[in-house]
Amino acid sequence: MSTKLQLGGDGLVAARHLWHYGYKPTIYYPKQSKNELYQRLAKQLKDLDIPFTEDFPSALQQSDHVVDAIFGQRMG
């Protein structure tokens, strides 16, 4: 059992799945992890040409839905 929380990784995986189902996700990832797993997930998204943005307010105005994955599943 790992004591490190893996926050946000579920959101990256969700974006990849949404893209494969025909949606057009945009990733707001303000503090990118140096963890190898997160770097690989981010590379997969970039290889699929899924855009990353630093302008959250602008991206929010252009979005129909928001997936908030900051806390992941390991709360508690």
N, C-alpha and C. Protein backbone atom coordinates (compact mmCIF):
# COMPACT_ATOMS: atom_id res chain seq x y z
N MET A 1 0.84 -1.18 0.00
CA MET A 1 0.00 0.00 0.00
C MET A 1 0.88 1.23 0.00
N SER A 2 0.61 2.12 -0.91
CA SER A 2 1.38 3.35 -1.00
C SER A 2 0.77 4.43 -0.13
N THR A 3 1.62 5.19 0.54
CA THR A 3 1.11 6.30 1.34
C THR A 3 1.00 7.58 0.53
N LYS A 4 1.57 7.58 -0.66
CA LYS A 4 1.48 8.77 -1.51
C LYS A 4 0.13 8.81 -2.21
N LEU A 5 -0.53 9.95 -2.17
CA LEU A 5 -1.78 10.11 -2.90
C LEU A 5 -1.46 10.39 -4.36
N GLN A 6 -2.20 9.80 -5.26
CA GLN A 6 -2.00 10.03 -6.68
C GLN A 6 -3.16 10.88 -7.17
N LEU A 7 -3.09 12.15 -6.85
CA LEU A 7 -4.17 13.06 -7.15
C LEU A 7 -4.17 13.47 -8.61
N GLY A 8 -5.33 13.44 -9.22
CA GLY A 8 -5.48 13.94 -10.58
C GLY A 8 -5.24 12.93 -11.68
N GLY A 9 -4.59 11.83 -11.38
CA GLY A 9 -4.32 10.83 -12.42
C GLY A 9 -5.59 10.28 -13.04
N ASP A 10 -6.62 10.14 -12.22
CA ASP A 10 -7.90 9.64 -12.74
C ASP A 10 -8.46 10.58 -13.80
N GLY A 11 -8.24 11.86 -13.63
CA GLY A 11 -8.72 12.84 -14.60
C GLY A 11 -8.02 12.70 -15.94
N LEU A 12 -6.72 12.41 -15.91
CA LEU A 12 -5.98 12.21 -17.16
C LEU A 12 -6.48 10.96 -17.88
N VAL A 13 -6.74 9.91 -17.12
CA VAL A 13 -7.27 8.68 -17.71
C VAL A 13 -8.67 8.92 -18.26
N ALA A 14 -9.49 9.67 -17.50
CA ALA A 14 -10.85 9.98 -17.96
C ALA A 14 -10.81 10.76 -19.27
N ALA A 15 -9.89 11.71 -19.39
CA ALA A 15 -9.77 12.49 -20.63
C ALA A 15 -9.44 11.59 -21.81
N ARG A 16 -8.55 10.64 -21.58
CA ARG A 16 -8.18 9.70 -22.66
C ARG A 16 -9.39 8.88 -23.09
N HIS A 17 -10.14 8.37 -22.11
CA HIS A 17 -11.34 7.59 -22.44
C HIS A 17 -12.38 8.44 -23.16
N LEU A 18 -12.59 9.66 -22.68
CA LEU A 18 -13.56 10.55 -23.34
C LEU A 18 -13.17 10.79 -24.79
N TRP A 19 -11.88 11.00 -25.05
CA TRP A 19 -11.41 11.21 -26.41
C TRP A 19 -11.73 9.99 -27.28
N HIS A 20 -11.49 8.79 -26.74
CA HIS A 20 -11.76 7.57 -27.51
C HIS A 20 -13.25 7.38 -27.78
N TYR A 21 -14.10 7.98 -26.95
CA TYR A 21 -15.55 7.91 -27.17
C TYR A 21 -16.06 9.07 -28.00
N GLY A 22 -15.17 9.86 -28.57
CA GLY A 22 -15.57 10.90 -29.51
C GLY A 22 -15.72 12.29 -28.92
N TYR A 23 -15.45 12.45 -27.63
CA TYR A 23 -15.51 13.79 -27.02
C TYR A 23 -14.21 14.53 -27.30
N LYS A 24 -14.20 15.82 -27.04
CA LYS A 24 -13.02 16.65 -27.29
C LYS A 24 -12.58 17.32 -25.98
N PRO A 25 -11.90 16.57 -25.12
CA PRO A 25 -11.50 17.14 -23.84
C PRO A 25 -10.35 18.14 -23.99
N THR A 26 -10.28 19.06 -23.06
CA THR A 26 -9.15 19.97 -22.89
C THR A 26 -8.68 19.81 -21.46
N ILE A 27 -7.39 19.71 -21.27
CA ILE A 27 -6.82 19.44 -19.95
C ILE A 27 -6.31 20.73 -19.33
N TYR A 28 -6.77 20.99 -18.12
CA TYR A 28 -6.18 22.05 -17.30
C TYR A 28 -5.40 21.34 -16.20
N TYR A 29 -4.09 21.43 -16.25
CA TYR A 29 -3.20 20.66 -15.37
C TYR A 29 -2.17 21.64 -14.83
N PRO A 30 -2.57 22.46 -13.83
CA PRO A 30 -1.75 23.59 -13.40
C PRO A 30 -0.42 23.22 -12.75
N LYS A 31 -0.36 22.10 -12.06
CA LYS A 31 0.88 21.71 -11.40
C LYS A 31 1.22 20.29 -11.83
N GLN A 32 1.94 20.19 -12.94
CA GLN A 32 2.23 18.87 -13.50
C GLN A 32 3.26 18.14 -12.64
N SER A 33 2.96 16.90 -12.37
CA SER A 33 3.79 16.06 -11.51
C SER A 33 5.05 15.60 -12.24
N LYS A 34 6.10 15.39 -11.47
CA LYS A 34 7.33 14.81 -12.03
C LYS A 34 7.30 13.28 -11.93
N ASN A 35 6.23 12.75 -11.37
CA ASN A 35 6.04 11.31 -11.25
C ASN A 35 5.98 10.68 -12.64
N GLU A 36 6.71 9.60 -12.83
CA GLU A 36 6.80 8.96 -14.16
C GLU A 36 5.43 8.55 -14.69
N LEU A 37 4.55 8.05 -13.84
CA LEU A 37 3.21 7.64 -14.27
C LEU A 37 2.46 8.83 -14.87
N TYR A 38 2.48 9.95 -14.18
CA TYR A 38 1.77 11.13 -14.67
C TYR A 38 2.40 11.67 -15.95
N GLN A 39 3.71 11.60 -16.04
CA GLN A 39 4.37 12.06 -17.26
C GLN A 39 3.97 11.18 -18.44
N ARG A 40 3.85 9.87 -18.21
CA ARG A 40 3.43 8.97 -19.30
C ARG A 40 1.98 9.23 -19.69
N LEU A 41 1.11 9.45 -18.69
CA LEU A 41 -0.29 9.75 -19.00
C LEU A 41 -0.40 11.04 -19.80
N ALA A 42 0.34 12.08 -19.39
CA ALA A 42 0.31 13.35 -20.11
C ALA A 42 0.83 13.18 -21.54
N LYS A 43 1.88 12.37 -21.71
CA LYS A 43 2.42 12.13 -23.06
C LYS A 43 1.40 11.43 -23.94
N GLN A 44 0.67 10.46 -23.37
CA GLN A 44 -0.37 9.78 -24.14
C GLN A 44 -1.40 10.78 -24.65
N LEU A 45 -1.80 11.71 -23.79
CA LEU A 45 -2.79 12.71 -24.19
C LEU A 45 -2.23 13.64 -25.26
N LYS A 46 -0.99 14.05 -25.09
CA LYS A 46 -0.37 14.93 -26.08
C LYS A 46 -0.20 14.21 -27.42
N ASP A 47 0.13 12.91 -27.37
CA ASP A 47 0.27 12.13 -28.60
C ASP A 47 -1.07 12.00 -29.33
N LEU A 48 -2.17 12.07 -28.59
CA LEU A 48 -3.51 12.03 -29.20
C LEU A 48 -3.97 13.43 -29.64
N ASP A 49 -3.10 14.42 -29.45
CA ASP A 49 -3.41 15.83 -29.77
C ASP A 49 -4.54 16.38 -28.91
N ILE A 50 -4.66 15.89 -27.69
CA ILE A 50 -5.61 16.46 -26.73
C ILE A 50 -4.94 17.70 -26.16
N PRO A 51 -5.60 18.85 -26.29
CA PRO A 51 -4.95 20.10 -25.86
C PRO A 51 -4.87 20.25 -24.34
N PHE A 52 -3.79 20.85 -23.91
CA PHE A 52 -3.61 21.28 -22.53
C PHE A 52 -3.72 22.80 -22.55
N THR A 53 -4.33 23.37 -21.51
CA THR A 53 -4.48 24.81 -21.45
C THR A 53 -3.99 25.34 -20.12
N GLU A 54 -3.52 26.57 -20.12
CA GLU A 54 -3.17 27.26 -18.88
C GLU A 54 -4.21 28.31 -18.55
N ASP A 55 -5.13 28.55 -19.47
CA ASP A 55 -6.16 29.58 -19.29
C ASP A 55 -7.49 28.91 -18.93
N PHE A 56 -7.65 28.59 -17.65
CA PHE A 56 -8.84 27.88 -17.20
C PHE A 56 -10.12 28.67 -17.45
N PRO A 57 -10.17 29.98 -17.13
CA PRO A 57 -11.43 30.71 -17.36
C PRO A 57 -11.88 30.67 -18.82
N SER A 58 -10.95 30.80 -19.75
CA SER A 58 -11.30 30.76 -21.17
C SER A 58 -11.77 29.37 -21.57
N ALA A 59 -11.06 28.34 -21.11
CA ALA A 59 -11.46 26.97 -21.44
C ALA A 59 -12.82 26.65 -20.85
N LEU A 60 -13.10 27.17 -19.67
CA LEU A 60 -14.37 26.92 -19.02
C LEU A 60 -15.52 27.52 -19.82
N GLN A 61 -15.32 28.69 -20.40
CA GLN A 61 -16.35 29.34 -21.21
C GLN A 61 -16.66 28.55 -22.48
N GLN A 62 -15.70 27.77 -22.95
CA GLN A 62 -15.87 27.01 -24.19
C GLN A 62 -16.29 25.56 -23.93
N SER A 63 -16.58 25.23 -22.67
CA SER A 63 -16.87 23.84 -22.29
C SER A 63 -18.35 23.64 -22.00
N ASP A 64 -18.81 22.43 -22.30
CA ASP A 64 -20.17 22.02 -21.94
C ASP A 64 -20.18 21.28 -20.61
N HIS A 65 -19.07 20.60 -20.28
CA HIS A 65 -18.98 19.79 -19.08
C HIS A 65 -17.60 19.97 -18.45
N VAL A 66 -17.52 19.76 -17.14
CA VAL A 66 -16.24 19.82 -16.42
C VAL A 66 -16.11 18.56 -15.58
N VAL A 67 -14.95 17.93 -15.67
CA VAL A 67 -14.63 16.79 -14.81
C VAL A 67 -13.57 17.28 -13.82
N ASP A 68 -13.95 17.36 -12.55
CA ASP A 68 -13.03 17.81 -11.51
C ASP A 68 -12.38 16.56 -10.91
N ALA A 69 -11.09 16.38 -11.17
CA ALA A 69 -10.40 15.18 -10.71
C ALA A 69 -9.22 15.51 -9.80
N ILE A 70 -9.30 16.62 -9.13
CA ILE A 70 -8.17 17.04 -8.30
C ILE A 70 -7.88 16.08 -7.15
N PHE A 71 -8.93 15.46 -6.60
CA PHE A 71 -8.71 14.59 -5.46
C PHE A 71 -8.65 13.11 -5.79
N GLY A 72 -8.98 12.71 -6.98
CA GLY A 72 -8.93 11.30 -7.35
C GLY A 72 -9.85 10.46 -6.49
N GLN A 73 -9.49 9.20 -6.28
CA GLN A 73 -10.35 8.27 -5.55
C GLN A 73 -9.81 7.91 -4.17
N ARG A 74 -8.67 8.41 -3.78
CA ARG A 74 -8.03 7.94 -2.57
C ARG A 74 -8.22 8.90 -1.39
N MET A 75 -9.42 9.39 -1.24
CA MET A 75 -9.72 10.28 -0.11
C MET A 75 -10.27 9.44 1.04
N GLY A 76 -9.54 9.31 2.10
CA GLY A 76 -10.08 8.64 3.27
C GLY A 76 -9.52 7.33 3.56
